[in-house]
């Protein structure tokens, strides 16, 4: 099962260059990390329990081609 911490670690590894990714993915990861760090100053609030709830829901959503 996916965890919120896994997503944060992925973003950190992409930004650090440990995971090869396109420029747009790298910038998106950097923006995500910046939002986690400075988001409250700009009115952005990240709720880890709510994010985990969404990740838990995805396991019930079937993949359809």
PDB file of N, CA and C in Angstrom:
ATOM      1  N   UNK A   1       0.842  -1.175   0.000  1.00  0.00           N
ATOM      2  CA  UNK A   1       0.000   0.000   0.000  1.00  0.00           C
ATOM      3  C   UNK A   1       0.891   1.243   0.000  1.00  0.00           C
ATOM      4  N   UNK A   2       0.491   2.214  -0.753  1.00  0.00           N
ATOM      5  CA  UNK A   2       1.246   3.469  -0.854  1.00  0.00           C
ATOM      6  C   UNK A   2       1.086   4.283   0.423  1.00  0.00           C
ATOM      7  N   UNK A   3       2.145   4.950   0.787  1.00  0.00           N
ATOM      8  CA  UNK A   3       2.150   5.822   1.963  1.00  0.00           C
ATOM      9  C   UNK A   3       2.520   7.231   1.523  1.00  0.00           C
ATOM     10  N   UNK A   4       2.056   8.210   2.261  1.00  0.00           N
ATOM     11  CA  UNK A   4       2.370   9.608   1.964  1.00  0.00           C
ATOM     12  C   UNK A   4       3.881   9.813   2.005  1.00  0.00           C
ATOM     13  N   UNK A   5       4.538   9.199   2.974  1.00  0.00           N
ATOM     14  CA  UNK A   5       5.991   9.343   3.110  1.00  0.00           C
ATOM     15  C   UNK A   5       6.719   8.833   1.867  1.00  0.00           C
ATOM     16  N   UNK A   6       6.160   7.820   1.196  1.00  0.00           N
ATOM     17  CA  UNK A   6       6.769   7.307  -0.038  1.00  0.00           C
ATOM     18  C   UNK A   6       6.760   8.375  -1.126  1.00  0.00           C
ATOM     19  N   UNK A   7       5.683   9.113  -1.227  1.00  0.00           N
ATOM     20  CA  UNK A   7       5.588  10.181  -2.225  1.00  0.00           C
ATOM     21  C   UNK A   7       6.547  11.318  -1.935  1.00  0.00           C
ATOM     22  N   UNK A   8       6.680  11.655  -0.668  1.00  0.00           N
ATOM     23  CA  UNK A   8       7.606  12.720  -0.283  1.00  0.00           C
ATOM     24  C   UNK A   8       9.038  12.287  -0.564  1.00  0.00           C
ATOM     25  N   UNK A   9       9.360  11.045  -0.213  1.00  0.00           N
ATOM     26  CA  UNK A   9      10.717  10.531  -0.456  1.00  0.00           C
ATOM     27  C   UNK A   9      11.005  10.481  -1.959  1.00  0.00           C
ATOM     28  N   UNK A  10      10.022  10.078  -2.759  1.00  0.00           N
ATOM     29  CA  UNK A  10      10.197  10.061  -4.211  1.00  0.00           C
ATOM     30  C   UNK A  10      10.538  11.457  -4.717  1.00  0.00           C
ATOM     31  N   UNK A  11       9.784  12.454  -4.280  1.00  0.00           N
ATOM     32  CA  UNK A  11      10.036  13.835  -4.713  1.00  0.00           C
ATOM     33  C   UNK A  11      11.431  14.282  -4.305  1.00  0.00           C
ATOM     34  N   UNK A  12      11.841  13.945  -3.094  1.00  0.00           N
ATOM     35  CA  UNK A  12      13.184  14.311  -2.633  1.00  0.00           C
ATOM     36  C   UNK A  12      14.264  13.654  -3.483  1.00  0.00           C
ATOM     37  N   UNK A  13      14.067  12.391  -3.831  1.00  0.00           N
ATOM     38  CA  UNK A  13      15.060  11.671  -4.640  1.00  0.00           C
ATOM     39  C   UNK A  13      15.120  12.207  -6.066  1.00  0.00           C
ATOM     40  N   UNK A  14      13.988  12.590  -6.627  1.00  0.00           N
ATOM     41  CA  UNK A  14      13.981  13.175  -7.973  1.00  0.00           C
ATOM     42  C   UNK A  14      14.734  14.497  -7.967  1.00  0.00           C
ATOM     43  N   UNK A  15      14.439  15.349  -6.993  1.00  0.00           N
ATOM     44  CA  UNK A  15      15.090  16.659  -6.908  1.00  0.00           C
ATOM     45  C   UNK A  15      16.592  16.501  -6.677  1.00  0.00           C
ATOM     46  N   UNK A  16      16.988  15.489  -5.904  1.00  0.00           N
ATOM     47  CA  UNK A  16      18.406  15.250  -5.620  1.00  0.00           C
ATOM     48  C   UNK A  16      19.139  14.625  -6.804  1.00  0.00           C
ATOM     49  N   UNK A  17      18.394  14.162  -7.804  1.00  0.00           N
ATOM     50  CA  UNK A  17      19.015  13.551  -8.972  1.00  0.00           C
ATOM     51  C   UNK A  17      19.243  12.060  -8.833  1.00  0.00           C
ATOM     52  N   UNK A  18      18.758  11.446  -7.763  1.00  0.00           N
ATOM     53  CA  UNK A  18      18.907  10.006  -7.567  1.00  0.00           C
ATOM     54  C   UNK A  18      18.001   9.219  -8.506  1.00  0.00           C
ATOM     55  N   UNK A  19      16.878   9.812  -8.887  1.00  0.00           N
ATOM     56  CA  UNK A  19      15.941   9.199  -9.831  1.00  0.00           C
ATOM     57  C   UNK A  19      15.915  10.075 -11.070  1.00  0.00           C
ATOM     58  N   UNK A  20      16.133   9.460 -12.211  1.00  0.00           N
ATOM     59  CA  UNK A  20      16.127  10.198 -13.473  1.00  0.00           C
ATOM     60  C   UNK A  20      14.679  10.520 -13.840  1.00  0.00           C
ATOM     61  N   UNK A  21      14.430  11.787 -14.114  1.00  0.00           N
ATOM     62  CA  UNK A  21      13.084  12.230 -14.472  1.00  0.00           C
ATOM     63  C   UNK A  21      13.201  13.423 -15.413  1.00  0.00           C
ATOM     64  N   UNK A  22      12.119  13.694 -16.116  1.00  0.00           N
ATOM     65  CA  UNK A  22      12.115  14.834 -17.036  1.00  0.00           C
ATOM     66  C   UNK A  22      12.171  16.140 -16.249  1.00  0.00           C
ATOM     67  N   UNK A  23      12.451  17.207 -16.955  1.00  0.00           N
ATOM     68  CA  UNK A  23      12.527  18.520 -16.314  1.00  0.00           C
ATOM     69  C   UNK A  23      11.196  18.894 -15.669  1.00  0.00           C
ATOM     70  N   UNK A  24      10.091  18.597 -16.349  1.00  0.00           N
ATOM     71  CA  UNK A  24       8.777  18.947 -15.818  1.00  0.00           C
ATOM     72  C   UNK A  24       8.453  18.157 -14.550  1.00  0.00           C
ATOM     73  N   UNK A  25       8.843  16.883 -14.517  1.00  0.00           N
ATOM     74  CA  UNK A  25       8.618  16.075 -13.313  1.00  0.00           C
ATOM     75  C   UNK A  25       9.483  16.601 -12.176  1.00  0.00           C
ATOM     76  N   UNK A  26      10.735  16.936 -12.475  1.00  0.00           N
ATOM     77  CA  UNK A  26      11.634  17.475 -11.451  1.00  0.00           C
ATOM     78  C   UNK A  26      11.073  18.780 -10.886  1.00  0.00           C
ATOM     79  N   UNK A  27      10.597  19.652 -11.762  1.00  0.00           N
ATOM     80  CA  UNK A  27      10.021  20.918 -11.306  1.00  0.00           C
ATOM     81  C   UNK A  27       8.743  20.700 -10.486  1.00  0.00           C
ATOM     82  N   UNK A  28       7.933  19.726 -10.879  1.00  0.00           N
ATOM     83  CA  UNK A  28       6.717  19.421 -10.121  1.00  0.00           C
ATOM     84  C   UNK A  28       7.068  18.893  -8.732  1.00  0.00           C
ATOM     85  N   UNK A  29       8.098  18.056  -8.664  1.00  0.00           N
ATOM     86  CA  UNK A  29       8.542  17.542  -7.367  1.00  0.00           C
ATOM     87  C   UNK A  29       9.079  18.668  -6.495  1.00  0.00           C
ATOM     88  N   UNK A  30       9.839  19.577  -7.083  1.00  0.00           N
ATOM     89  CA  UNK A  30      10.364  20.711  -6.320  1.00  0.00           C
ATOM     90  C   UNK A  30       9.228  21.600  -5.826  1.00  0.00           C
ATOM     91  N   UNK A  31       8.231  21.818  -6.669  1.00  0.00           N
ATOM     92  CA  UNK A  31       7.074  22.632  -6.278  1.00  0.00           C
ATOM     93  C   UNK A  31       6.319  21.958  -5.123  1.00  0.00           C
ATOM     94  N   UNK A  32       6.167  20.641  -5.194  1.00  0.00           N
ATOM     95  CA  UNK A  32       5.505  19.889  -4.128  1.00  0.00           C
ATOM     96  C   UNK A  32       6.257  20.040  -2.807  1.00  0.00           C
ATOM     97  N   UNK A  33       7.578  19.884  -2.852  1.00  0.00           N
ATOM     98  CA  UNK A  33       8.381  20.024  -1.636  1.00  0.00           C
ATOM     99  C   UNK A  33       8.335  21.454  -1.100  1.00  0.00           C
ATOM    100  N   UNK A  34       8.361  22.425  -1.999  1.00  0.00           N
ATOM    101  CA  UNK A  34       8.253  23.831  -1.578  1.00  0.00           C
ATOM    102  C   UNK A  34       6.893  24.105  -0.932  1.00  0.00           C
ATOM    103  N   UNK A  35       5.837  23.516  -1.504  1.00  0.00           N
ATOM    104  CA  UNK A  35       4.504  23.694  -0.925  1.00  0.00           C
ATOM    105  C   UNK A  35       4.427  23.084   0.473  1.00  0.00           C
ATOM    106  N   UNK A  36       5.089  21.942   0.668  1.00  0.00           N
ATOM    107  CA  UNK A  36       5.107  21.341   2.000  1.00  0.00           C
ATOM    108  C   UNK A  36       5.824  22.245   2.999  1.00  0.00           C
ATOM    109  N   UNK A  37       6.902  22.866   2.538  1.00  0.00           N
ATOM    110  CA  UNK A  37       7.738  23.672   3.433  1.00  0.00           C
ATOM    111  C   UNK A  37       7.167  25.071   3.673  1.00  0.00           C
ATOM    112  N   UNK A  38       6.713  25.731   2.608  1.00  0.00           N
ATOM    113  CA  UNK A  38       6.297  27.132   2.700  1.00  0.00           C
ATOM    114  C   UNK A  38       4.812  27.354   2.441  1.00  0.00           C
ATOM    115  N   UNK A  39       4.070  26.292   2.242  1.00  0.00           N
ATOM    116  CA  UNK A  39       2.675  26.412   1.833  1.00  0.00           C
ATOM    117  C   UNK A  39       1.783  27.173   2.792  1.00  0.00           C
ATOM    118  N   UNK A  40       1.984  26.986   4.082  1.00  0.00           N
ATOM    119  CA  UNK A  40       1.109  27.656   5.050  1.00  0.00           C
ATOM    120  C   UNK A  40       1.213  29.171   4.950  1.00  0.00           C
ATOM    121  N   UNK A  41       2.376  29.675   4.569  1.00  0.00           N
ATOM    122  CA  UNK A  41       2.550  31.121   4.396  1.00  0.00           C
ATOM    123  C   UNK A  41       1.709  31.640   3.230  1.00  0.00           C
ATOM    124  N   UNK A  42       1.402  30.740   2.278  1.00  0.00           N
ATOM    125  CA  UNK A  42       0.629  31.125   1.094  1.00  0.00           C
ATOM    126  C   UNK A  42      -0.806  30.621   1.154  1.00  0.00           C
ATOM    127  N   UNK A  43      -1.199  30.074   2.301  1.00  0.00           N
ATOM    128  CA  UNK A  43      -2.568  29.600   2.456  1.00  0.00           C
ATOM    129  C   UNK A  43      -2.790  28.180   1.975  1.00  0.00           C
ATOM    130  N   UNK A  44      -1.721  27.424   1.784  1.00  0.00           N
ATOM    131  CA  UNK A  44      -1.836  26.028   1.357  1.00  0.00           C
ATOM    132  C   UNK A  44      -1.611  25.151   2.580  1.00  0.00           C
ATOM    133  N   UNK A  45      -2.542  24.233   2.831  1.00  0.00           N
ATOM    134  CA  UNK A  45      -2.429  23.352   3.984  1.00  0.00           C
ATOM    135  C   UNK A  45      -2.395  21.916   3.492  1.00  0.00           C
ATOM    136  N   UNK A  46      -1.425  21.138   3.945  1.00  0.00           N
ATOM    137  CA  UNK A  46      -1.301  19.731   3.575  1.00  0.00           C
ATOM    138  C   UNK A  46      -1.640  18.887   4.788  1.00  0.00           C
ATOM    139  N   UNK A  47      -2.650  18.061   4.659  1.00  0.00           N
ATOM    140  CA  UNK A  47      -3.062  17.174   5.737  1.00  0.00           C
ATOM    141  C   UNK A  47      -2.633  15.756   5.386  1.00  0.00           C
ATOM    142  N   UNK A  48      -1.636  15.257   6.095  1.00  0.00           N
ATOM    143  CA  UNK A  48      -1.148  13.908   5.811  1.00  0.00           C
ATOM    144  C   UNK A  48      -2.232  12.848   6.014  1.00  0.00           C
ATOM    145  N   UNK A  49      -3.034  12.905   7.081  1.00  0.00           N
ATOM    146  CA  UNK A  49      -4.097  11.900   7.222  1.00  0.00           C
ATOM    147  C   UNK A  49      -5.115  11.928   6.071  1.00  0.00           C
ATOM    148  N   UNK A  50      -5.453  13.117   5.592  1.00  0.00           N
ATOM    149  CA  UNK A  50      -6.410  13.205   4.471  1.00  0.00           C
ATOM    150  C   UNK A  50      -5.787  12.684   3.182  1.00  0.00           C
ATOM    151  N   UNK A  51      -4.507  12.988   2.977  1.00  0.00           N
ATOM    152  CA  UNK A  51      -3.817  12.475   1.793  1.00  0.00           C
ATOM    153  C   UNK A  51      -3.737  10.952   1.854  1.00  0.00           C
ATOM    154  N   UNK A  52      -3.463  10.401   3.031  1.00  0.00           N
ATOM    155  CA  UNK A  52      -3.400   8.946   3.182  1.00  0.00           C
ATOM    156  C   UNK A  52      -4.764   8.320   2.932  1.00  0.00           C
ATOM    157  N   UNK A  53      -5.819   8.999   3.344  1.00  0.00           N
ATOM    158  CA  UNK A  53      -7.177   8.507   3.100  1.00  0.00           C
ATOM    159  C   UNK A  53      -7.432   8.365   1.594  1.00  0.00           C
ATOM    160  N   UNK A  54      -6.989   9.334   0.823  1.00  0.00           N
ATOM    161  CA  UNK A  54      -7.151   9.282  -0.634  1.00  0.00           C
ATOM    162  C   UNK A  54      -6.343   8.129  -1.215  1.00  0.00           C
ATOM    163  N   UNK A  55      -5.105   7.964  -0.749  1.00  0.00           N
ATOM    164  CA  UNK A  55      -4.278   6.855  -1.237  1.00  0.00           C
ATOM    165  C   UNK A  55      -4.926   5.514  -0.901  1.00  0.00           C
ATOM    166  N   UNK A  56      -5.510   5.393   0.278  1.00  0.00           N
ATOM    167  CA  UNK A  56      -6.185   4.149   0.659  1.00  0.00           C
ATOM    168  C   UNK A  56      -7.396   3.884  -0.229  1.00  0.00           C
ATOM    169  N   UNK A  57      -8.084   4.929  -0.650  1.00  0.00           N
ATOM    170  CA  UNK A  57      -9.251   4.784  -1.513  1.00  0.00           C
ATOM    171  C   UNK A  57      -8.866   4.228  -2.885  1.00  0.00           C
ATOM    172  N   UNK A  58      -7.710   4.627  -3.403  1.00  0.00           N
ATOM    173  CA  UNK A  58      -7.307   4.231  -4.752  1.00  0.00           C
ATOM    174  C   UNK A  58      -7.215   2.725  -4.934  1.00  0.00           C
ATOM    175  N   UNK A  59      -6.968   1.976  -3.875  1.00  0.00           N
ATOM    176  CA  UNK A  59      -6.862   0.527  -4.037  1.00  0.00           C
ATOM    177  C   UNK A  59      -8.207  -0.099  -4.420  1.00  0.00           C
ATOM    178  N   UNK A  60      -9.299   0.631  -4.213  1.00  0.00           N
ATOM    179  CA  UNK A  60     -10.623   0.131  -4.572  1.00  0.00           C
ATOM    180  C   UNK A  60     -11.065   0.569  -5.969  1.00  0.00           C
ATOM    181  N   UNK A  61     -10.286   1.416  -6.610  1.00  0.00           N
ATOM    182  CA  UNK A  61     -10.640   1.930  -7.931  1.00  0.00           C
ATOM    183  C   UNK A  61     -10.008   1.025  -8.988  1.00  0.00           C
ATOM    184  N   UNK A  62     -10.815   0.366  -9.808  1.00  0.00           N
ATOM    185  CA  UNK A  62     -10.243  -0.533 -10.814  1.00  0.00           C
ATOM    186  C   UNK A  62      -9.590   0.239 -11.957  1.00  0.00           C
ATOM    187  N   UNK A  63      -8.526  -0.341 -12.481  1.00  0.00           N
ATOM    188  CA  UNK A  63      -7.873   0.234 -13.659  1.00  0.00           C
ATOM    189  C   UNK A  63      -8.650  -0.209 -14.891  1.00  0.00           C
ATOM    190  N   UNK A  64      -9.044   0.719 -15.726  1.00  0.00           N
ATOM    191  CA  UNK A  64      -9.828   0.414 -16.917  1.00  0.00           C
ATOM    192  C   UNK A  64      -9.070   0.912 -18.131  1.00  0.00           C
ATOM    193  N   UNK A  65      -8.929   0.034 -19.118  1.00  0.00           N
ATOM    194  CA  UNK A  65      -8.258   0.433 -20.356  1.00  0.00           C
ATOM    195  C   UNK A  65      -9.248   1.009 -21.319  1.00  0.00           C
TER     196      UNK A  65
END
